[in-house]
C-alpha atoms as a PDB file:
ATOM      1  CA  MET A   1     226.624  50.149  12.922  1.00  0.00           C
ATOM      2  CA  SER A   2     230.547  51.000  13.030  1.00  0.00           C
ATOM      3  CA  VAL A   3     232.001  54.300  13.281  1.00  0.00           C
ATOM      4  CA  LYS A   4     233.569  54.617   9.754  1.00  0.00           C
ATOM      5  CA  LYS A   5     230.327  53.608   8.359  1.00  0.00           C
ATOM      6  CA  PHE A   6     228.461  56.157  10.365  1.00  0.00           C
ATOM      7  CA  PHE A   7     230.420  58.841   9.279  1.00  0.00           C
ATOM      8  CA  GLN A   8     230.628  57.516   5.337  1.00  0.00           C
ATOM      9  CA  ASN A   9     226.515  58.027   5.723  1.00  0.00           C
ATOM     10  CA  ALA A  10     226.745  61.129   7.535  1.00  0.00           C
ATOM     11  CA  PHE A  11     228.862  62.631   5.089  1.00  0.00           C
ATOM     12  CA  SER A  12     227.694  61.379   1.986  1.00  0.00           C
ATOM     13  CA  ASP A  13     224.150  62.803   2.974  1.00  0.00           C
ATOM     14  CA  MET A  14     225.639  66.173   3.445  1.00  0.00           C
ATOM     15  CA  LYS A  15     226.912  66.015  -0.041  1.00  0.00           C
ATOM     16  CA  GLU A  16     223.560  65.444  -1.628  1.00  0.00           C
ATOM     17  CA  SER A  17     222.013  68.284   0.475  1.00  0.00           C
ATOM     18  CA  THR A  18     224.825  70.553  -0.385  1.00  0.00           C
ATOM     19  CA  LYS A  19     223.697  69.410  -4.265  1.00  0.00           C
ATOM     20  CA  ALA A  20     220.628  70.257  -3.505  1.00  0.00           C
ATOM     21  CA  GLN A  21     220.457  73.790  -2.127  1.00  0.00           C
ATOM     22  CA  HIS A  22     223.693  74.623  -4.669  1.00  0.00           C
ATOM     23  CA  GLU A  23     220.216  73.966  -7.274  1.00  0.00           C
ATOM     24  CA  VAL A  24     217.636  76.262  -5.101  1.00  0.00           C
ATOM     25  CA  ASP A  25     220.836  78.979  -4.972  1.00  0.00           C
ATOM     26  CA  LYS A  26     220.766  78.727  -8.686  1.00  0.00           C
ATOM     27  CA  ALA A  27     217.790  79.136  -9.500  1.00  0.00           C
ATOM     28  CA  ASN A  28     217.081  82.040  -6.784  1.00  0.00           C
ATOM     29  CA  PHE A  29     219.841  83.652  -8.282  1.00  0.00           C
ATOM     30  CA  ALA A  30     218.697  82.921 -12.042  1.00  0.00           C
ATOM     31  CA  ALA A  31     215.368  84.662 -10.804  1.00  0.00           C
ATOM     32  CA  ALA A  32     216.710  87.667  -9.503  1.00  0.00           C
ATOM     33  CA  LYS A  33     218.486  88.473 -12.566  1.00  0.00           C
ATOM     34  CA  ALA A  34     215.905  87.705 -14.289  1.00  0.00           C
ATOM     35  CA  GLU A  35     213.303  90.437 -11.975  1.00  0.00           C
ATOM     36  CA  SER A  36     216.074  92.848 -12.300  1.00  0.00           C
ATOM     37  CA  LYS A  37     216.729  92.948 -15.748  1.00  0.00           C
ATOM     38  CA  ALA A  38     213.022  93.213 -15.959  1.00  0.00           C
ATOM     39  CA  THR A  39     212.719  95.861 -13.876  1.00  0.00           C
ATOM     40  CA  TRP A  40     215.786  98.089 -15.719  1.00  0.00           C
ATOM     41  CA  GLU A  41     213.710  97.453 -18.875  1.00  0.00           C
ATOM     42  CA  GLU A  42     210.814  99.223 -17.469  1.00  0.00           C
ATOM     43  CA  ALA A  43     212.754 101.802 -16.461  1.00  0.00           C
ATOM     44  CA  LYS A  44     213.415 102.725 -19.726  1.00  0.00           C
ATOM     45  CA  GLN A  45     210.259 102.789 -21.700  1.00  0.00           C
ATOM     46  CA  SER A  46     208.510 105.940 -22.524  1.00  0.00           C
ATOM     47  CA  PRO A  47     207.008 107.876 -19.655  1.00  0.00           C
ATOM     48  CA  SER A  48     203.911 106.948 -21.463  1.00  0.00           C
ATOM     49  CA  ALA A  49     204.242 103.746 -21.688  1.00  0.00           C
ATOM     50  CA  ARG A  50     204.973 103.442 -18.400  1.00  0.00           C
ATOM     51  CA  GLN A  51     201.818 105.263 -16.932  1.00  0.00           C
ATOM     52  CA  GLN A  52     199.776 102.855 -18.839  1.00  0.00           C
ATOM     53  CA  MET A  53     202.029  99.775 -17.678  1.00  0.00           C
ATOM     54  CA  MET A  54     201.236 101.547 -13.967  1.00  0.00           C
ATOM     55  CA  GLN A  55     197.933 102.443 -15.091  1.00  0.00           C
ATOM     56  CA  GLU A  56     197.140  98.214 -15.831  1.00  0.00           C
ATOM     57  CA  GLU A  57     198.405  97.067 -12.578  1.00  0.00           C
ATOM     58  CA  ARG A  58     196.424  99.829 -10.681  1.00  0.00           C
ATOM     59  CA  GLU A  59     193.295  98.157 -12.301  1.00  0.00           C
ATOM     60  CA  GLU A  60     194.418  94.992 -11.761  1.00  0.00           C
ATOM     61  CA  GLN A  61     194.432  95.178  -8.017  1.00  0.00           C
ATOM     62  CA  ILE A  62     191.197  96.884  -7.952  1.00  0.00           C
ATOM     63  CA  ALA A  63     189.637  93.833  -9.250  1.00  0.00           C
ATOM     64  CA  LYS A  64     191.363  91.580  -6.739  1.00  0.00           C
ATOM     65  CA  ALA A  65     190.421  94.391  -4.299  1.00  0.00           C
ATOM     66  CA  LYS A  66     186.439  93.952  -5.467  1.00  0.00           C
ATOM     67  CA  GLU A  67     186.948  90.125  -5.531  1.00  0.00           C
ATOM     68  CA  ARG A  68     188.071  89.628  -2.198  1.00  0.00           C
ATOM     69  CA  GLU A  69     185.485  92.453  -0.653  1.00  0.00           C
ATOM     70  CA  ALA A  70     182.818  90.080  -2.706  1.00  0.00           C
ATOM     71  CA  ALA A  71     184.122  87.009  -1.233  1.00  0.00           C
ATOM     72  CA  ALA A  72     183.855  88.465   2.382  1.00  0.00           C
ATOM     73  CA  ASN A  73     180.431  89.785   1.866  1.00  0.00           C
ATOM     74  CA  LYS A  74     179.510  86.529   0.860  1.00  0.00           C
ATOM     75  CA  ARG A  75     180.868  84.918   4.063  1.00  0.00           C
ATOM     76  CA  ILE A  76     179.291  87.603   6.381  1.00  0.00           C
ATOM     77  CA  GLU A  77     176.114  86.489   4.870  1.00  0.00           C
ATOM     78  CA  ASN A  78     176.368  83.066   5.748  1.00  0.00           C
ATOM     79  CA  ALA A  79     177.515  83.390   8.704  1.00  0.00           C
ATOM     80  CA  LYS A  80     174.276  85.343   9.572  1.00  0.00           C
ATOM     81  CA  LYS A  81     171.935  82.739   8.113  1.00  0.00           C
ATOM     82  CA  ARG A  82     173.424  80.017  10.540  1.00  0.00           C
END
């Protein structure tokens, strides 16, 4: 392989990598922008609506924690049987 061909391949690879990274950066920026807007809209809610939303989030977290606890207890029982 000639030096010229080597550098052509190297620069071609760098160009493709840069394009792919740019797409990733655009997607991450769009996601951050949407999250920021969602946070702003939530902050504008009335206090009662915000409290209700927070209560729903807490209930969801409690349900997930109970599922994790049940799974851990099942693992403990399985380990004791062996």
